[in-house]
Amino acid sequence: MRDGSSTHPEPTSPNTTIPGWRLILSDAGRLWASRERPFSPVATQAGAERTVDADNLEALRAETDRQETFAREADEQAAREQETREAPAPEERERKTRERETPEREQSGQVIS
């Protein structure tokens, strides 16, 4: 209902913008928001929703904020897990440290008298 009799603001008015999301007012008067760019595959697999709905603009903003936060946290967690997987084991770090501290002659097997 876009004839001005709706209790919802028009989705294209400046007061109804949510950066990065496209707002839609359904014929039934329900507000929807669809993210303009997809979330990362990690965030999507974790459950971030690209399209959400609500009864009013305040609730819709809260829901889009919740989805953005959820996606960001999922991406950050995945990055931390990736760093952990790529970090050398303690034994490997110790070996590399010893190699750096050992003079080159000793590594090559040369004996100095």
N, C-alpha and C. Protein backbone atom coordinates (compact mmCIF):
# COMPACT_ATOMS: atom_id res chain seq x y z
N MET A 1 0.85 -1.16 0.00
CA MET A 1 0.00 0.00 0.00
C MET A 1 0.90 1.22 0.00
N ARG A 2 1.02 1.89 -1.10
CA ARG A 2 1.94 3.02 -1.21
C ARG A 2 1.20 4.31 -1.54
N ASP A 3 -0.05 4.43 -1.15
CA ASP A 3 -0.84 5.61 -1.47
C ASP A 3 -0.82 6.65 -0.35
N GLY A 4 0.08 6.46 0.64
CA GLY A 4 0.16 7.40 1.73
C GLY A 4 -0.67 6.99 2.93
N SER A 5 -1.53 5.98 2.79
CA SER A 5 -2.36 5.57 3.91
C SER A 5 -1.66 4.52 4.78
N SER A 6 -0.48 4.08 4.34
CA SER A 6 0.26 3.10 5.11
C SER A 6 0.86 3.74 6.35
N THR A 7 0.99 2.96 7.41
CA THR A 7 1.61 3.48 8.63
C THR A 7 3.12 3.38 8.56
N HIS A 8 3.64 2.74 7.53
CA HIS A 8 5.09 2.61 7.36
C HIS A 8 5.61 3.72 6.45
N PRO A 9 6.81 4.24 6.74
CA PRO A 9 7.39 5.22 5.82
C PRO A 9 7.74 4.55 4.50
N GLU A 10 7.76 5.32 3.47
CA GLU A 10 8.10 4.82 2.14
C GLU A 10 9.56 4.33 2.15
N PRO A 11 9.85 3.12 1.63
CA PRO A 11 11.20 2.57 1.70
C PRO A 11 12.26 3.40 0.99
N THR A 12 11.88 4.31 0.13
CA THR A 12 12.87 5.10 -0.58
C THR A 12 13.12 6.46 0.04
N SER A 13 12.45 6.79 1.14
CA SER A 13 12.68 8.10 1.75
C SER A 13 14.00 8.10 2.50
N PRO A 14 14.65 9.27 2.65
CA PRO A 14 15.96 9.32 3.31
C PRO A 14 15.93 8.80 4.75
N ASN A 15 14.80 8.87 5.42
CA ASN A 15 14.72 8.41 6.80
C ASN A 15 14.63 6.89 6.92
N THR A 16 14.56 6.20 5.80
CA THR A 16 14.40 4.75 5.85
C THR A 16 15.55 4.02 5.19
N THR A 17 16.73 4.58 5.23
CA THR A 17 17.86 3.90 4.63
C THR A 17 18.63 3.11 5.69
N ILE A 18 19.14 1.99 5.28
CA ILE A 18 20.07 1.18 6.07
C ILE A 18 21.24 0.92 5.14
N PRO A 19 22.39 1.54 5.40
CA PRO A 19 23.53 1.40 4.49
C PRO A 19 23.85 -0.07 4.18
N GLY A 20 23.98 -0.36 2.89
CA GLY A 20 24.32 -1.70 2.44
C GLY A 20 23.14 -2.64 2.29
N TRP A 21 21.95 -2.16 2.61
CA TRP A 21 20.74 -2.98 2.53
C TRP A 21 19.70 -2.28 1.67
N ARG A 22 18.97 -3.05 0.90
CA ARG A 22 17.87 -2.51 0.10
C ARG A 22 16.57 -2.79 0.84
N LEU A 23 15.77 -1.76 1.05
CA LEU A 23 14.53 -1.91 1.79
C LEU A 23 13.35 -2.12 0.85
N ILE A 24 12.43 -2.95 1.31
CA ILE A 24 11.26 -3.29 0.51
C ILE A 24 10.04 -3.25 1.42
N LEU A 25 8.98 -2.65 0.94
CA LEU A 25 7.71 -2.67 1.65
C LEU A 25 6.79 -3.59 0.87
N SER A 26 6.38 -4.68 1.50
CA SER A 26 5.53 -5.65 0.80
C SER A 26 4.12 -5.09 0.66
N ASP A 27 3.34 -5.69 -0.23
CA ASP A 27 1.95 -5.29 -0.42
C ASP A 27 1.14 -5.47 0.86
N ALA A 28 1.59 -6.37 1.72
CA ALA A 28 0.90 -6.61 2.98
C ALA A 28 1.36 -5.63 4.07
N GLY A 29 2.30 -4.73 3.72
CA GLY A 29 2.76 -3.74 4.67
C GLY A 29 3.92 -4.19 5.54
N ARG A 30 4.50 -5.32 5.22
CA ARG A 30 5.65 -5.84 5.98
C ARG A 30 6.93 -5.23 5.42
N LEU A 31 7.86 -4.87 6.30
CA LEU A 31 9.15 -4.33 5.87
C LEU A 31 10.17 -5.45 5.73
N TRP A 32 10.91 -5.40 4.64
CA TRP A 32 11.96 -6.36 4.36
C TRP A 32 13.23 -5.61 4.03
N ALA A 33 14.37 -6.24 4.28
CA ALA A 33 15.65 -5.68 3.88
C ALA A 33 16.47 -6.81 3.27
N SER A 34 17.10 -6.51 2.16
CA SER A 34 17.96 -7.48 1.50
C SER A 34 19.35 -6.87 1.34
N ARG A 35 20.35 -7.57 1.80
CA ARG A 35 21.71 -7.04 1.75
C ARG A 35 22.14 -6.91 0.28
N GLU A 36 22.72 -5.77 -0.06
CA GLU A 36 23.11 -5.52 -1.44
C GLU A 36 24.23 -6.44 -1.90
N ARG A 37 25.15 -6.77 -1.02
CA ARG A 37 26.25 -7.69 -1.36
C ARG A 37 26.12 -8.92 -0.47
N PRO A 38 26.39 -10.08 -1.02
CA PRO A 38 26.30 -11.30 -0.19
C PRO A 38 27.31 -11.25 0.96
N PHE A 39 26.98 -11.95 2.03
CA PHE A 39 27.95 -12.15 3.10
C PHE A 39 29.00 -13.12 2.58
N SER A 40 30.11 -13.21 3.30
CA SER A 40 31.14 -14.17 2.92
C SER A 40 30.58 -15.59 3.01
N PRO A 41 31.19 -16.52 2.29
CA PRO A 41 30.74 -17.92 2.40
C PRO A 41 30.79 -18.43 3.85
N VAL A 42 31.81 -18.02 4.60
CA VAL A 42 31.93 -18.44 6.00
C VAL A 42 30.74 -17.94 6.80
N ALA A 43 30.41 -16.66 6.65
CA ALA A 43 29.29 -16.07 7.40
C ALA A 43 27.97 -16.70 6.98
N THR A 44 27.81 -16.94 5.70
CA THR A 44 26.57 -17.57 5.21
C THR A 44 26.43 -18.98 5.76
N GLN A 45 27.52 -19.73 5.74
CA GLN A 45 27.48 -21.10 6.26
C GLN A 45 27.20 -21.10 7.77
N ALA A 46 27.67 -20.07 8.47
CA ALA A 46 27.43 -19.97 9.91
C ALA A 46 25.99 -19.57 10.22
N GLY A 47 25.26 -19.05 9.20
CA GLY A 47 23.86 -18.74 9.40
C GLY A 47 23.46 -17.29 9.21
N ALA A 48 24.36 -16.43 8.73
CA ALA A 48 23.99 -15.04 8.47
C ALA A 48 22.93 -14.99 7.38
N GLU A 49 21.90 -14.21 7.61
CA GLU A 49 20.78 -14.11 6.67
C GLU A 49 20.90 -12.83 5.84
N ARG A 50 20.83 -12.98 4.52
CA ARG A 50 20.95 -11.85 3.63
C ARG A 50 19.63 -11.08 3.49
N THR A 51 18.52 -11.72 3.74
CA THR A 51 17.21 -11.08 3.66
C THR A 51 16.48 -11.29 4.97
N VAL A 52 16.00 -10.18 5.54
CA VAL A 52 15.30 -10.23 6.83
C VAL A 52 14.04 -9.37 6.76
N ASP A 53 13.13 -9.60 7.71
CA ASP A 53 11.91 -8.80 7.74
C ASP A 53 11.58 -8.41 9.17
N ALA A 54 10.69 -7.43 9.31
CA ALA A 54 10.29 -6.95 10.63
C ALA A 54 8.98 -6.20 10.52
N ASP A 55 8.40 -5.91 11.68
CA ASP A 55 7.12 -5.20 11.73
C ASP A 55 7.28 -3.70 11.53
N ASN A 56 8.46 -3.16 11.89
CA ASN A 56 8.66 -1.72 11.76
C ASN A 56 10.12 -1.44 11.45
N LEU A 57 10.40 -0.19 11.12
CA LEU A 57 11.75 0.18 10.70
C LEU A 57 12.77 0.00 11.82
N GLU A 58 12.40 0.33 13.03
CA GLU A 58 13.32 0.16 14.17
C GLU A 58 13.71 -1.30 14.34
N ALA A 59 12.76 -2.18 14.27
CA ALA A 59 13.04 -3.61 14.40
C ALA A 59 13.85 -4.12 13.20
N LEU A 60 13.59 -3.57 12.02
CA LEU A 60 14.34 -3.98 10.83
C LEU A 60 15.80 -3.55 10.95
N ARG A 61 16.02 -2.32 11.42
CA ARG A 61 17.40 -1.86 11.64
C ARG A 61 18.10 -2.75 12.66
N ALA A 62 17.43 -3.10 13.73
CA ALA A 62 18.01 -3.97 14.75
C ALA A 62 18.38 -5.33 14.16
N GLU A 63 17.51 -5.85 13.31
CA GLU A 63 17.78 -7.16 12.71
C GLU A 63 18.93 -7.10 11.72
N THR A 64 19.01 -6.06 10.91
CA THR A 64 20.14 -5.96 9.97
C THR A 64 21.44 -5.77 10.75
N ASP A 65 21.42 -5.01 11.83
CA ASP A 65 22.61 -4.86 12.68
C ASP A 65 23.02 -6.20 13.27
N ARG A 66 22.03 -6.97 13.70
CA ARG A 66 22.32 -8.29 14.27
C ARG A 66 22.97 -9.21 13.24
N GLN A 67 22.47 -9.17 12.01
CA GLN A 67 23.05 -10.00 10.95
C GLN A 67 24.48 -9.56 10.63
N GLU A 68 24.71 -8.26 10.56
CA GLU A 68 26.06 -7.74 10.28
C GLU A 68 27.04 -8.16 11.39
N THR A 69 26.61 -8.05 12.63
CA THR A 69 27.46 -8.44 13.76
C THR A 69 27.73 -9.94 13.73
N PHE A 70 26.72 -10.72 13.49
CA PHE A 70 26.87 -12.17 13.41
C PHE A 70 27.87 -12.55 12.32
N ALA A 71 27.73 -11.94 11.14
CA ALA A 71 28.62 -12.25 10.02
C ALA A 71 30.06 -11.84 10.33
N ARG A 72 30.24 -10.65 10.91
CA ARG A 72 31.58 -10.17 11.25
C ARG A 72 32.24 -11.12 12.27
N GLU A 73 31.49 -11.52 13.29
CA GLU A 73 32.04 -12.43 14.29
C GLU A 73 32.38 -13.79 13.69
N ALA A 74 31.57 -14.28 12.78
CA ALA A 74 31.86 -15.56 12.12
C ALA A 74 33.14 -15.46 11.30
N ASP A 75 33.30 -14.35 10.57
CA ASP A 75 34.51 -14.14 9.77
C ASP A 75 35.75 -14.02 10.66
N GLU A 76 35.63 -13.29 11.78
CA GLU A 76 36.75 -13.13 12.70
C GLU A 76 37.14 -14.47 13.33
N GLN A 77 36.16 -15.26 13.72
CA GLN A 77 36.43 -16.57 14.30
C GLN A 77 37.13 -17.47 13.28
N ALA A 78 36.67 -17.45 12.04
CA ALA A 78 37.30 -18.26 11.00
C ALA A 78 38.74 -17.82 10.77
N ALA A 79 39.00 -16.52 10.81
CA ALA A 79 40.36 -16.02 10.63
C ALA A 79 41.26 -16.48 11.78
N ARG A 80 40.74 -16.43 13.02
CA ARG A 80 41.53 -16.90 14.17
C ARG A 80 41.84 -18.39 14.03
N GLU A 81 40.86 -19.16 13.61
CA GLU A 81 41.07 -20.60 13.44
C GLU A 81 42.09 -20.87 12.33
N GLN A 82 42.05 -20.09 11.27
CA GLN A 82 43.01 -20.26 10.18
C GLN A 82 44.42 -19.94 10.66
N GLU A 83 44.58 -18.87 11.43
CA GLU A 83 45.89 -18.52 11.98
C GLU A 83 46.43 -19.64 12.86
N THR A 84 45.57 -20.23 13.65
CA THR A 84 45.98 -21.32 14.54
C THR A 84 46.43 -22.52 13.72
N ARG A 85 45.70 -22.83 12.65
CA ARG A 85 46.08 -23.97 11.80
C ARG A 85 47.40 -23.72 11.10
N GLU A 86 47.67 -22.47 10.73
CA GLU A 86 48.88 -22.16 9.98
C GLU A 86 50.09 -21.91 10.87
N ALA A 87 49.88 -21.69 12.14
CA ALA A 87 50.99 -21.43 13.06
C ALA A 87 51.81 -22.71 13.22
N PRO A 88 53.14 -22.57 13.21
CA PRO A 88 53.96 -23.77 13.39
C PRO A 88 53.79 -24.34 14.80
N ALA A 89 53.96 -25.64 14.90
CA ALA A 89 53.89 -26.31 16.20
C ALA A 89 55.03 -25.79 17.07
N PRO A 90 54.89 -25.87 18.40
CA PRO A 90 55.94 -25.37 19.29
C PRO A 90 57.31 -25.98 18.98
N GLU A 91 57.36 -27.27 18.64
CA GLU A 91 58.64 -27.92 18.33
C GLU A 91 59.27 -27.30 17.08
N GLU A 92 58.44 -27.00 16.10
CA GLU A 92 58.94 -26.40 14.86
C GLU A 92 59.46 -24.99 15.13
N ARG A 93 58.75 -24.22 15.95
CA ARG A 93 59.23 -22.86 16.29
C ARG A 93 60.56 -22.94 17.01
N GLU A 94 60.70 -23.90 17.93
CA GLU A 94 61.94 -24.05 18.67
C GLU A 94 63.09 -24.42 17.73
N ARG A 95 62.85 -25.33 16.81
CA ARG A 95 63.89 -25.74 15.85
C ARG A 95 64.34 -24.56 15.01
N LYS A 96 63.39 -23.76 14.53
CA LYS A 96 63.73 -22.59 13.71
C LYS A 96 64.52 -21.57 14.52
N THR A 97 64.17 -21.42 15.79
CA THR A 97 64.90 -20.49 16.64
C THR A 97 66.34 -20.97 16.83
N ARG A 98 66.52 -22.27 17.08
CA ARG A 98 67.88 -22.81 17.23
C ARG A 98 68.69 -22.60 15.96
N GLU A 99 68.06 -22.81 14.80
CA GLU A 99 68.77 -22.63 13.53
C GLU A 99 69.24 -21.19 13.35
N ARG A 100 68.41 -20.25 13.74
CA ARG A 100 68.80 -18.84 13.61
C ARG A 100 69.94 -18.49 14.55
N GLU A 101 69.95 -19.11 15.71
CA GLU A 101 70.96 -18.80 16.72
C GLU A 101 72.26 -19.55 16.51
N THR A 102 72.28 -20.62 15.74
CA THR A 102 73.46 -21.43 15.51
C THR A 102 74.28 -20.82 14.39
N PRO A 103 75.58 -20.60 14.61
CA PRO A 103 76.42 -20.05 13.53
C PRO A 103 76.40 -20.95 12.31
N GLU A 104 76.52 -20.35 11.16
CA GLU A 104 76.45 -21.06 9.89
C GLU A 104 77.48 -22.17 9.81
N ARG A 105 78.68 -21.97 10.36
CA ARG A 105 79.74 -22.99 10.29
C ARG A 105 79.30 -24.27 10.98
N GLU A 106 78.67 -24.14 12.13
CA GLU A 106 78.27 -25.33 12.86
C GLU A 106 77.18 -26.09 12.11
N GLN A 107 76.32 -25.38 11.42
CA GLN A 107 75.25 -26.04 10.66
C GLN A 107 75.84 -26.85 9.51
N SER A 108 76.96 -26.36 8.93
CA SER A 108 77.52 -27.05 7.77
C SER A 108 78.42 -28.23 8.18
N GLY A 109 78.67 -28.38 9.49
CA GLY A 109 79.47 -29.51 9.95
C GLY A 109 80.94 -29.19 10.05
N GLN A 110 81.36 -27.96 9.80
CA GLN A 110 82.77 -27.58 9.89
C GLN A 110 83.18 -27.52 11.35
N VAL A 111 84.34 -28.03 11.63
CA VAL A 111 84.87 -27.99 12.98
C VAL A 111 85.96 -26.94 13.02
N ILE A 112 85.92 -26.11 13.99
CA ILE A 112 86.90 -25.04 14.13
C ILE A 112 87.82 -25.43 15.28
N SER A 113 89.16 -25.47 15.01
CA SER A 113 90.10 -25.83 16.08
C SER A 113 90.89 -24.66 16.57
